Amino acid sequence: MARWEPNPRQRLVRAALDLFTEQGYDNTTVAQIAERAGLTKTTFFRHFPNKREVLFAGQDIHGRLLADGIAGAPSTAAPLEAVAAGLDTLTESFVPEQREFGPQLRAVIAEHSELQEREAFKRAHLAEAMTEALRKRGVPDLAASLAADLGVRAFSQGFTRWVEPANRTSFGELARQELDELRAAVRTLV
């Protein structure tokens, strides 16, 4: 096994996605993922608690990046402007490889209810990170929660558009476009 090769975490994610696509999520084992990545099961478990979590790698980092971006927004920024700053910080961390395997990731998750539930948990985690960051800025609870929910929706919809093969727009720009559309939609509610 080629244990000396760099980026074991990234290799495990790639191997898992390939195997889930080829033979299905339920039919893929941790041992197969590790073997495909050229690693051992022990190495797999150093990075992930189970095969499901391979698909949601980085959730805690994403939450921290959103919170950092919100905290770094100008003090005069309205809640949705602070959320936009958080989205900018997070989307800047995404690399081209994530864009390349994005359609594959979306397809694997769409085929399995357990993964859809886990994705919903990830969205809730990101919303909580944004809500807490907004509260620290003095935004009231309800407004913080609503702004965070819109931010998660913009992130998710922006990601879906970003990974489309014909897309040439940056993830950050797409997330901001989505947030602007959501903001306009909210204005029509009153």
N, C-alpha and C. Protein backbone atom coordinates (compact mmCIF):
# COMPACT_ATOMS: atom_id res chain seq x y z
N MET A 1 0.83 -1.19 0.00
CA MET A 1 0.00 0.00 0.00
C MET A 1 0.87 1.25 0.00
N ALA A 2 0.41 2.27 -0.66
CA ALA A 2 1.19 3.49 -0.83
C ALA A 2 0.88 4.47 0.29
N ARG A 3 1.24 4.13 1.50
CA ARG A 3 0.93 4.97 2.66
C ARG A 3 1.70 6.29 2.65
N TRP A 4 2.78 6.37 1.91
CA TRP A 4 3.60 7.56 1.91
C TRP A 4 3.01 8.69 1.07
N GLU A 5 2.05 8.39 0.21
CA GLU A 5 1.47 9.42 -0.65
C GLU A 5 0.76 10.48 0.19
N PRO A 6 0.77 11.72 -0.27
CA PRO A 6 0.15 12.81 0.49
C PRO A 6 -1.38 12.75 0.48
N ASN A 7 -1.97 13.56 1.33
CA ASN A 7 -3.42 13.77 1.38
C ASN A 7 -4.26 12.51 1.60
N PRO A 8 -4.01 11.77 2.67
CA PRO A 8 -4.81 10.55 2.89
C PRO A 8 -6.29 10.84 3.04
N ARG A 9 -6.64 11.92 3.68
CA ARG A 9 -8.06 12.26 3.87
C ARG A 9 -8.75 12.47 2.53
N GLN A 10 -8.11 13.24 1.67
CA GLN A 10 -8.66 13.53 0.36
C GLN A 10 -8.74 12.25 -0.48
N ARG A 11 -7.75 11.40 -0.38
CA ARG A 11 -7.76 10.14 -1.12
C ARG A 11 -8.90 9.24 -0.65
N LEU A 12 -9.16 9.25 0.66
CA LEU A 12 -10.26 8.44 1.19
C LEU A 12 -11.61 8.95 0.68
N VAL A 13 -11.77 10.25 0.64
CA VAL A 13 -13.02 10.84 0.13
C VAL A 13 -13.22 10.44 -1.33
N ARG A 14 -12.18 10.62 -2.12
CA ARG A 14 -12.27 10.28 -3.54
C ARG A 14 -12.58 8.79 -3.74
N ALA A 15 -11.88 7.93 -3.00
CA ALA A 15 -12.10 6.48 -3.11
C ALA A 15 -13.53 6.12 -2.72
N ALA A 16 -14.01 6.71 -1.64
CA ALA A 16 -15.38 6.42 -1.18
C ALA A 16 -16.40 6.84 -2.23
N LEU A 17 -16.25 8.04 -2.76
CA LEU A 17 -17.19 8.50 -3.79
C LEU A 17 -17.19 7.59 -5.00
N ASP A 18 -16.01 7.20 -5.43
CA ASP A 18 -15.93 6.31 -6.59
C ASP A 18 -16.62 4.98 -6.31
N LEU A 19 -16.34 4.40 -5.14
CA LEU A 19 -16.95 3.11 -4.80
C LEU A 19 -18.46 3.23 -4.60
N PHE A 20 -18.90 4.29 -3.94
CA PHE A 20 -20.35 4.48 -3.74
C PHE A 20 -21.05 4.59 -5.09
N THR A 21 -20.40 5.26 -6.04
CA THR A 21 -20.98 5.41 -7.37
C THR A 21 -20.98 4.08 -8.13
N GLU A 22 -19.89 3.35 -8.03
CA GLU A 22 -19.75 2.09 -8.77
C GLU A 22 -20.64 0.97 -8.23
N GLN A 23 -20.68 0.82 -6.90
CA GLN A 23 -21.36 -0.36 -6.35
C GLN A 23 -22.42 -0.04 -5.33
N GLY A 24 -22.66 1.24 -5.09
CA GLY A 24 -23.69 1.65 -4.14
C GLY A 24 -23.13 1.86 -2.74
N TYR A 25 -23.78 2.72 -2.01
CA TYR A 25 -23.35 3.04 -0.65
C TYR A 25 -23.43 1.82 0.26
N ASP A 26 -24.55 1.12 0.24
CA ASP A 26 -24.75 -0.03 1.13
C ASP A 26 -23.78 -1.17 0.84
N ASN A 27 -23.35 -1.30 -0.40
CA ASN A 27 -22.48 -2.41 -0.78
C ASN A 27 -20.99 -2.09 -0.63
N THR A 28 -20.68 -0.94 -0.13
CA THR A 28 -19.28 -0.52 0.02
C THR A 28 -18.87 -0.60 1.49
N THR A 29 -17.70 -1.18 1.73
CA THR A 29 -17.18 -1.30 3.10
C THR A 29 -16.03 -0.34 3.32
N VAL A 30 -15.75 -0.09 4.59
CA VAL A 30 -14.60 0.73 4.97
C VAL A 30 -13.32 0.11 4.44
N ALA A 31 -13.21 -1.22 4.53
CA ALA A 31 -12.01 -1.90 4.04
C ALA A 31 -11.80 -1.64 2.55
N GLN A 32 -12.89 -1.65 1.78
CA GLN A 32 -12.77 -1.39 0.35
C GLN A 32 -12.34 0.05 0.08
N ILE A 33 -12.89 0.97 0.84
CA ILE A 33 -12.51 2.38 0.68
C ILE A 33 -11.02 2.56 0.97
N ALA A 34 -10.57 2.00 2.09
CA ALA A 34 -9.16 2.12 2.45
C ALA A 34 -8.27 1.50 1.40
N GLU A 35 -8.65 0.31 0.93
CA GLU A 35 -7.85 -0.37 -0.09
C GLU A 35 -7.78 0.46 -1.37
N ARG A 36 -8.92 0.99 -1.80
CA ARG A 36 -8.94 1.80 -3.04
C ARG A 36 -8.04 3.04 -2.88
N ALA A 37 -8.00 3.59 -1.68
CA ALA A 37 -7.18 4.77 -1.44
C ALA A 37 -5.71 4.42 -1.22
N GLY A 38 -5.41 3.12 -1.13
CA GLY A 38 -4.04 2.70 -0.87
C GLY A 38 -3.64 2.88 0.58
N LEU A 39 -4.61 2.75 1.47
CA LEU A 39 -4.38 2.96 2.90
C LEU A 39 -4.93 1.78 3.69
N THR A 40 -4.78 1.82 5.00
CA THR A 40 -5.30 0.76 5.86
C THR A 40 -6.60 1.21 6.50
N LYS A 41 -7.34 0.23 7.05
CA LYS A 41 -8.56 0.57 7.80
C LYS A 41 -8.22 1.45 9.00
N THR A 42 -7.08 1.19 9.62
CA THR A 42 -6.67 2.01 10.77
C THR A 42 -6.53 3.46 10.36
N THR A 43 -5.92 3.69 9.21
CA THR A 43 -5.78 5.06 8.73
C THR A 43 -7.15 5.67 8.44
N PHE A 44 -8.03 4.88 7.86
CA PHE A 44 -9.39 5.36 7.61
C PHE A 44 -10.01 5.88 8.91
N PHE A 45 -9.94 5.07 9.96
CA PHE A 45 -10.58 5.43 11.22
C PHE A 45 -9.86 6.55 11.96
N ARG A 46 -8.65 6.88 11.57
CA ARG A 46 -7.99 8.07 12.13
C ARG A 46 -8.65 9.34 11.58
N HIS A 47 -9.22 9.21 10.41
CA HIS A 47 -9.80 10.38 9.75
C HIS A 47 -11.33 10.46 9.84
N PHE A 48 -11.98 9.30 9.89
CA PHE A 48 -13.44 9.28 9.88
C PHE A 48 -13.96 8.20 10.83
N PRO A 49 -15.06 8.46 11.53
CA PRO A 49 -15.61 7.44 12.42
C PRO A 49 -16.35 6.32 11.68
N ASN A 50 -16.83 6.61 10.46
CA ASN A 50 -17.55 5.61 9.67
C ASN A 50 -17.61 6.07 8.22
N LYS A 51 -18.13 5.21 7.36
CA LYS A 51 -18.13 5.53 5.93
C LYS A 51 -19.06 6.69 5.57
N ARG A 52 -20.10 6.87 6.34
CA ARG A 52 -21.03 7.97 6.06
C ARG A 52 -20.33 9.33 6.19
N GLU A 53 -19.48 9.45 7.21
CA GLU A 53 -18.84 10.73 7.48
C GLU A 53 -17.82 11.15 6.42
N VAL A 54 -17.39 10.21 5.59
CA VAL A 54 -16.47 10.55 4.50
C VAL A 54 -17.11 11.60 3.60
N LEU A 55 -18.41 11.51 3.40
CA LEU A 55 -19.11 12.42 2.51
C LEU A 55 -19.34 13.80 3.12
N PHE A 56 -19.15 13.90 4.42
CA PHE A 56 -19.43 15.17 5.09
C PHE A 56 -18.18 15.72 5.76
N ALA A 57 -17.04 15.36 5.21
CA ALA A 57 -15.76 15.82 5.73
C ALA A 57 -15.72 17.34 5.72
N GLY A 58 -15.22 17.91 6.77
CA GLY A 58 -15.04 19.36 6.81
C GLY A 58 -16.18 20.13 7.44
N GLN A 59 -17.19 19.47 7.92
CA GLN A 59 -18.34 20.18 8.48
C GLN A 59 -17.93 21.16 9.58
N ASP A 60 -17.09 20.73 10.50
CA ASP A 60 -16.68 21.61 11.60
C ASP A 60 -15.85 22.78 11.08
N ILE A 61 -14.98 22.51 10.11
CA ILE A 61 -14.19 23.58 9.51
C ILE A 61 -15.11 24.57 8.81
N HIS A 62 -16.09 24.06 8.09
CA HIS A 62 -17.03 24.95 7.39
C HIS A 62 -17.76 25.86 8.38
N GLY A 63 -18.20 25.29 9.49
CA GLY A 63 -18.87 26.09 10.52
C GLY A 63 -17.96 27.18 11.06
N ARG A 64 -16.70 26.83 11.32
CA ARG A 64 -15.75 27.84 11.83
C ARG A 64 -15.49 28.94 10.80
N LEU A 65 -15.36 28.55 9.54
CA LEU A 65 -15.13 29.56 8.50
C LEU A 65 -16.31 30.52 8.37
N LEU A 66 -17.51 29.98 8.43
CA LEU A 66 -18.70 30.85 8.39
C LEU A 66 -18.70 31.82 9.57
N ALA A 67 -18.44 31.28 10.76
CA ALA A 67 -18.42 32.12 11.97
C ALA A 67 -17.32 33.18 11.89
N ASP A 68 -16.15 32.79 11.40
CA ASP A 68 -15.04 33.74 11.27
C ASP A 68 -15.39 34.85 10.29
N GLY A 69 -16.00 34.48 9.17
CA GLY A 69 -16.39 35.49 8.18
C GLY A 69 -17.42 36.45 8.73
N ILE A 70 -18.38 35.93 9.47
CA ILE A 70 -19.41 36.78 10.08
C ILE A 70 -18.77 37.70 11.12
N ALA A 71 -17.89 37.16 11.93
CA ALA A 71 -17.21 37.97 12.96
C ALA A 71 -16.37 39.07 12.33
N GLY A 72 -15.80 38.79 11.16
CA GLY A 72 -14.94 39.76 10.49
C GLY A 72 -15.67 40.80 9.65
N ALA A 73 -16.98 40.68 9.53
CA ALA A 73 -17.75 41.66 8.76
C ALA A 73 -17.70 43.00 9.47
N PRO A 74 -17.82 44.09 8.73
CA PRO A 74 -17.82 45.41 9.37
C PRO A 74 -18.89 45.49 10.46
N SER A 75 -18.62 46.26 11.48
CA SER A 75 -19.55 46.35 12.61
C SER A 75 -20.90 46.94 12.18
N THR A 76 -20.92 47.67 11.08
CA THR A 76 -22.16 48.28 10.60
C THR A 76 -22.96 47.35 9.69
N ALA A 77 -22.42 46.17 9.41
CA ALA A 77 -23.09 45.25 8.48
C ALA A 77 -24.40 44.74 9.06
N ALA A 78 -25.43 44.75 8.22
CA ALA A 78 -26.72 44.17 8.59
C ALA A 78 -26.53 42.65 8.69
N PRO A 79 -27.44 41.94 9.35
CA PRO A 79 -27.27 40.49 9.50
C PRO A 79 -27.02 39.73 8.19
N LEU A 80 -27.77 40.03 7.14
CA LEU A 80 -27.54 39.32 5.88
C LEU A 80 -26.23 39.74 5.22
N GLU A 81 -25.77 40.95 5.45
CA GLU A 81 -24.45 41.34 4.95
C GLU A 81 -23.36 40.57 5.67
N ALA A 82 -23.54 40.36 6.97
CA ALA A 82 -22.58 39.56 7.73
C ALA A 82 -22.60 38.11 7.27
N VAL A 83 -23.79 37.58 6.98
CA VAL A 83 -23.90 36.22 6.44
C VAL A 83 -23.18 36.13 5.10
N ALA A 84 -23.33 37.14 4.26
CA ALA A 84 -22.64 37.16 2.97
C ALA A 84 -21.12 37.11 3.18
N ALA A 85 -20.63 37.84 4.17
CA ALA A 85 -19.20 37.79 4.48
C ALA A 85 -18.78 36.39 4.92
N GLY A 86 -19.64 35.73 5.70
CA GLY A 86 -19.36 34.35 6.10
C GLY A 86 -19.33 33.42 4.90
N LEU A 87 -20.27 33.59 3.99
CA LEU A 87 -20.31 32.77 2.78
C LEU A 87 -19.06 33.00 1.93
N ASP A 88 -18.61 34.25 1.85
CA ASP A 88 -17.38 34.55 1.10
C ASP A 88 -16.20 33.79 1.69
N THR A 89 -16.07 33.84 3.01
CA THR A 89 -14.95 33.16 3.67
C THR A 89 -15.01 31.66 3.43
N LEU A 90 -16.18 31.08 3.56
CA LEU A 90 -16.32 29.64 3.37
C LEU A 90 -16.08 29.24 1.92
N THR A 91 -16.70 29.91 0.98
CA THR A 91 -16.59 29.48 -0.42
C THR A 91 -15.18 29.64 -0.96
N GLU A 92 -14.40 30.57 -0.40
CA GLU A 92 -13.01 30.72 -0.82
C GLU A 92 -12.17 29.48 -0.48
N SER A 93 -12.64 28.69 0.47
CA SER A 93 -11.87 27.51 0.88
C SER A 93 -12.09 26.32 -0.04
N PHE A 94 -13.07 26.39 -0.92
CA PHE A 94 -13.37 25.26 -1.81
C PHE A 94 -12.38 25.23 -2.97
N VAL A 95 -11.91 24.03 -3.27
CA VAL A 95 -10.91 23.84 -4.31
C VAL A 95 -11.54 23.20 -5.54
N PRO A 96 -10.86 23.30 -6.69
CA PRO A 96 -11.42 22.74 -7.93
C PRO A 96 -11.80 21.26 -7.83
N GLU A 97 -11.05 20.47 -7.07
CA GLU A 97 -11.40 19.05 -6.97
C GLU A 97 -12.79 18.87 -6.35
N GLN A 98 -13.15 19.72 -5.38
CA GLN A 98 -14.48 19.63 -4.78
C GLN A 98 -15.55 19.92 -5.83
N ARG A 99 -15.25 20.82 -6.72
CA ARG A 99 -16.20 21.11 -7.80
C ARG A 99 -16.32 19.92 -8.73
N GLU A 100 -15.19 19.28 -9.01
CA GLU A 100 -15.19 18.13 -9.93
C GLU A 100 -16.01 16.97 -9.39
N PHE A 101 -15.89 16.67 -8.09
CA PHE A 101 -16.63 15.52 -7.57
C PHE A 101 -17.99 15.91 -6.99
N GLY A 102 -18.35 17.18 -7.09
CA GLY A 102 -19.64 17.65 -6.58
C GLY A 102 -20.85 16.93 -7.16
N PRO A 103 -20.93 16.78 -8.49
CA PRO A 103 -22.10 16.07 -9.04
C PRO A 103 -22.19 14.63 -8.54
N GLN A 104 -21.07 13.98 -8.40
CA GLN A 104 -21.03 12.61 -7.90
C GLN A 104 -21.51 12.57 -6.45
N LEU A 105 -21.05 13.53 -5.65
CA LEU A 105 -21.48 13.62 -4.25
C LEU A 105 -22.98 13.83 -4.17
N ARG A 106 -23.50 14.77 -4.95
CA ARG A 106 -24.95 15.07 -4.93
C ARG A 106 -25.75 13.81 -5.31
N ALA A 107 -25.26 13.07 -6.32
CA ALA A 107 -25.98 11.88 -6.78
C ALA A 107 -25.98 10.78 -5.71
N VAL A 108 -24.87 10.57 -5.06
CA VAL A 108 -24.79 9.53 -4.02
C VAL A 108 -25.73 9.87 -2.87
N ILE A 109 -25.72 11.11 -2.44
CA ILE A 109 -26.58 11.53 -1.33
C ILE A 109 -28.06 11.40 -1.72
N ALA A 110 -28.39 11.78 -2.94
CA ALA A 110 -29.79 11.73 -3.40
C ALA A 110 -30.35 10.32 -3.42
N GLU A 111 -29.49 9.32 -3.52
CA GLU A 111 -29.95 7.93 -3.63
C GLU A 111 -30.13 7.22 -2.29
N HIS A 112 -29.80 7.89 -1.19
CA HIS A 112 -29.82 7.17 0.08
C HIS A 112 -30.40 8.05 1.20
N SER A 113 -31.49 7.60 1.82
CA SER A 113 -32.18 8.41 2.83
C SER A 113 -31.29 8.70 4.05
N GLU A 114 -30.44 7.75 4.45
CA GLU A 114 -29.55 7.99 5.59
C GLU A 114 -28.60 9.16 5.29
N LEU A 115 -28.14 9.25 4.06
CA LEU A 115 -27.23 10.33 3.69
C LEU A 115 -27.98 11.65 3.56
N GLN A 116 -29.23 11.61 3.13
CA GLN A 116 -30.05 12.82 3.07
C GLN A 116 -30.28 13.37 4.47
N GLU A 117 -30.52 12.47 5.42
CA GLU A 117 -30.69 12.89 6.82
C GLU A 117 -29.40 13.51 7.35
N ARG A 118 -28.28 12.90 7.01
CA ARG A 118 -26.99 13.42 7.48
C ARG A 118 -26.70 14.78 6.86
N GLU A 119 -27.09 14.95 5.60
CA GLU A 119 -26.91 16.24 4.95
C GLU A 119 -27.76 17.31 5.64
N ALA A 120 -28.98 16.95 6.04
CA ALA A 120 -29.83 17.89 6.77
C ALA A 120 -29.19 18.26 8.11
N PHE A 121 -28.57 17.29 8.77
CA PHE A 121 -27.86 17.57 10.02
C PHE A 121 -26.71 18.54 9.77
N LYS A 122 -25.99 18.35 8.67
CA LYS A 122 -24.89 19.26 8.34
C LYS A 122 -25.42 20.68 8.13
N ARG A 123 -26.52 20.80 7.40
CA ARG A 123 -27.09 22.13 7.19
C ARG A 123 -27.50 22.77 8.51
N ALA A 124 -28.07 21.96 9.41
CA ALA A 124 -28.45 22.49 10.73
C ALA A 124 -27.22 22.95 11.51
N HIS A 125 -26.14 22.18 11.41
CA HIS A 125 -24.89 22.55 12.09
C HIS A 125 -24.36 23.88 11.55
N LEU A 126 -24.38 24.06 10.24
CA LEU A 126 -23.91 25.30 9.65
C LEU A 126 -24.80 26.47 10.04
N ALA A 127 -26.10 26.24 10.08
CA ALA A 127 -27.03 27.29 10.50
C ALA A 127 -26.77 27.69 11.95
N GLU A 128 -26.51 26.72 12.81
CA GLU A 128 -26.24 27.02 14.21
C GLU A 128 -24.94 27.82 14.35
N ALA A 129 -23.93 27.47 13.57
CA ALA A 129 -22.67 28.22 13.61
C ALA A 129 -22.89 29.68 13.21
N MET A 130 -23.69 29.88 12.16
CA MET A 130 -23.97 31.26 11.73
C MET A 130 -24.85 31.99 12.74
N THR A 131 -25.85 31.30 13.27
CA THR A 131 -26.73 31.92 14.27
C THR A 131 -25.93 32.39 15.47
N GLU A 132 -25.06 31.54 15.98
CA GLU A 132 -24.25 31.90 17.14
C GLU A 132 -23.33 33.08 16.83
N ALA A 133 -22.73 33.08 15.64
CA ALA A 133 -21.85 34.19 15.26
C ALA A 133 -22.63 35.49 15.16
N LEU A 134 -23.84 35.42 14.65
CA LEU A 134 -24.68 36.62 14.56
C LEU A 134 -25.11 37.09 15.95
N ARG A 135 -25.44 36.16 16.83
CA ARG A 135 -25.79 36.54 18.22
C ARG A 135 -24.64 37.29 18.88
N LYS A 136 -23.43 36.82 18.63
CA LYS A 136 -22.24 37.49 19.22
C LYS A 136 -22.10 38.90 18.69
N ARG A 137 -22.68 39.18 17.54
CA ARG A 137 -22.65 40.53 16.98
C ARG A 137 -23.81 41.37 17.53
N GLY A 138 -24.64 40.77 18.37
CA GLY A 138 -25.76 41.50 18.95
C GLY A 138 -27.06 41.36 18.19
N VAL A 139 -27.11 40.48 17.21
CA VAL A 139 -28.35 40.27 16.44
C VAL A 139 -29.31 39.47 17.31
N PRO A 140 -30.56 39.91 17.45
CA PRO A 140 -31.55 39.17 18.24
C PRO A 140 -31.73 37.74 17.71
N ASP A 141 -32.12 36.84 18.61
CA ASP A 141 -32.19 35.41 18.30
C ASP A 141 -32.99 35.08 17.04
N LEU A 142 -34.20 35.57 16.92
CA LEU A 142 -35.04 35.23 15.78
C LEU A 142 -34.42 35.74 14.47
N ALA A 143 -33.95 36.97 14.46
CA ALA A 143 -33.33 37.52 13.25
C ALA A 143 -32.05 36.75 12.92
N ALA A 144 -31.28 36.39 13.93
CA ALA A 144 -30.04 35.63 13.70
C ALA A 144 -30.37 34.28 13.09
N SER A 145 -31.37 33.62 13.62
CA SER A 145 -31.76 32.31 13.12
C SER A 145 -32.27 32.38 11.69
N LEU A 146 -33.10 33.36 11.39
CA LEU A 146 -33.63 33.51 10.03
C LEU A 146 -32.52 33.84 9.03
N ALA A 147 -31.63 34.74 9.41
CA ALA A 147 -30.51 35.09 8.53
C ALA A 147 -29.63 33.88 8.28
N ALA A 148 -29.39 33.08 9.31
CA ALA A 148 -28.56 31.88 9.16
C ALA A 148 -29.25 30.86 8.26
N ASP A 149 -30.55 30.69 8.42
CA ASP A 149 -31.28 29.76 7.55
C ASP A 149 -31.18 30.18 6.08
N LEU A 150 -31.29 31.48 5.83
CA LEU A 150 -31.14 31.96 4.45
C LEU A 150 -29.72 31.74 3.96
N GLY A 151 -28.75 31.91 4.85
CA GLY A 151 -27.35 31.68 4.48
C GLY A 151 -27.10 30.24 4.10
N VAL A 152 -27.65 29.30 4.85
CA VAL A 152 -27.48 27.88 4.54
C VAL A 152 -28.15 27.55 3.21
N ARG A 153 -29.30 28.10 2.98
CA ARG A 153 -30.01 27.86 1.72
C ARG A 153 -29.19 28.41 0.56
N ALA A 154 -28.63 29.61 0.72
CA ALA A 154 -27.81 30.21 -0.33
C ALA A 154 -26.56 29.38 -0.59
N PHE A 155 -25.94 28.89 0.48
CA PHE A 155 -24.76 28.03 0.35
C PHE A 155 -25.10 26.76 -0.43
N SER A 156 -26.16 26.11 -0.03
CA SER A 156 -26.55 24.85 -0.66
C SER A 156 -26.92 25.03 -2.13
N GLN A 157 -27.72 26.04 -2.42
CA GLN A 157 -28.13 26.29 -3.80
C GLN A 157 -26.95 26.76 -4.64
N GLY A 158 -26.08 27.56 -4.03
CA GLY A 158 -24.88 28.00 -4.74
C GLY A 158 -23.98 26.84 -5.08
N PHE A 159 -23.84 25.88 -4.14
CA PHE A 159 -23.02 24.70 -4.40
C PHE A 159 -23.60 23.88 -5.55
N THR A 160 -24.90 23.69 -5.54
CA THR A 160 -25.55 22.92 -6.60
C THR A 160 -25.29 23.56 -7.96
N ARG A 161 -25.36 24.87 -8.03
CA ARG A 161 -25.09 25.55 -9.29
C ARG A 161 -23.61 25.51 -9.66
N TRP A 162 -22.73 25.62 -8.65
CA TRP A 162 -21.29 25.65 -8.87
C TRP A 162 -20.78 24.36 -9.49
N VAL A 163 -21.35 23.24 -9.08
CA VAL A 163 -20.85 21.95 -9.57
C VAL A 163 -21.46 21.53 -10.91
N GLU A 164 -22.36 22.32 -11.45
CA GLU A 164 -22.91 22.02 -12.77
C GLU A 164 -21.78 22.12 -13.79
N PRO A 165 -21.64 21.12 -14.65
CA PRO A 165 -20.52 21.10 -15.60
C PRO A 165 -20.38 22.35 -16.47
N ALA A 166 -21.48 22.96 -16.85
CA ALA A 166 -21.43 24.13 -17.73
C ALA A 166 -21.14 25.43 -16.98
N ASN A 167 -21.13 25.40 -15.66
CA ASN A 167 -20.95 26.60 -14.87
C ASN A 167 -19.52 27.14 -15.00
N ARG A 168 -19.39 28.45 -15.09
CA ARG A 168 -18.08 29.10 -15.12
C ARG A 168 -17.98 30.20 -14.08
N THR A 169 -18.98 30.31 -13.22
CA THR A 169 -19.02 31.34 -12.20
C THR A 169 -18.45 30.79 -10.90
N SER A 170 -17.80 31.65 -10.13
CA SER A 170 -17.20 31.20 -8.87
C SER A 170 -18.28 30.82 -7.87
N PHE A 171 -17.92 29.94 -6.96
CA PHE A 171 -18.84 29.51 -5.91
C PHE A 171 -19.29 30.70 -5.08
N GLY A 172 -18.35 31.56 -4.72
CA GLY A 172 -18.69 32.73 -3.90
C GLY A 172 -19.71 33.63 -4.57
N GLU A 173 -19.51 33.86 -5.85
CA GLU A 173 -20.44 34.70 -6.59
C GLU A 173 -21.83 34.06 -6.66
N LEU A 174 -21.85 32.75 -6.88
CA LEU A 174 -23.14 32.04 -6.95
C LEU A 174 -23.86 32.07 -5.59
N ALA A 175 -23.12 31.86 -4.51
CA ALA A 175 -23.74 31.90 -3.18
C ALA A 175 -24.31 33.28 -2.89
N ARG A 176 -23.58 34.33 -3.28
CA ARG A 176 -24.08 35.69 -3.08
C ARG A 176 -25.31 35.96 -3.94
N GLN A 177 -25.31 35.47 -5.18
CA GLN A 177 -26.49 35.63 -6.04
C GLN A 177 -27.70 34.95 -5.40
N GLU A 178 -27.49 33.76 -4.89
CA GLU A 178 -28.59 33.04 -4.23
C GLU A 178 -29.08 33.82 -3.02
N LEU A 179 -28.16 34.36 -2.22
CA LEU A 179 -28.56 35.13 -1.05
C LEU A 179 -29.33 36.37 -1.46
N ASP A 180 -28.90 37.04 -2.51
CA ASP A 180 -29.63 38.21 -3.01
C ASP A 180 -31.04 37.84 -3.47
N GLU A 181 -31.18 36.70 -4.15
CA GLU A 181 -32.51 36.26 -4.59
C GLU A 181 -33.40 35.93 -3.39
N LEU A 182 -32.82 35.32 -2.38
CA LEU A 182 -33.59 35.02 -1.16
C LEU A 182 -34.01 36.30 -0.45
N ARG A 183 -33.11 37.24 -0.38
CA ARG A 183 -33.43 38.54 0.24
C ARG A 183 -34.58 39.22 -0.51
N ALA A 184 -34.54 39.18 -1.83
CA ALA A 184 -35.63 39.77 -2.63
C ALA A 184 -36.93 39.02 -2.40
N ALA A 185 -36.86 37.71 -2.28
CA ALA A 185 -38.07 36.92 -2.05
C ALA A 185 -38.68 37.25 -0.69
N VAL A 186 -37.84 37.47 0.31
CA VAL A 186 -38.34 37.81 1.64
C VAL A 186 -39.07 39.15 1.60
N ARG A 187 -38.55 40.09 0.82
CA ARG A 187 -39.20 41.41 0.73
C ARG A 187 -40.61 41.30 0.16
N THR A 188 -40.87 40.30 -0.66
CA THR A 188 -42.20 40.15 -1.26
C THR A 188 -43.20 39.58 -0.26
N LEU A 189 -42.72 39.07 0.86
CA LEU A 189 -43.60 38.47 1.85
C LEU A 189 -44.33 39.51 2.70
N VAL A 190 -43.85 40.71 2.73
CA VAL A 190 -44.47 41.72 3.60
C VAL A 190 -45.34 42.68 2.82
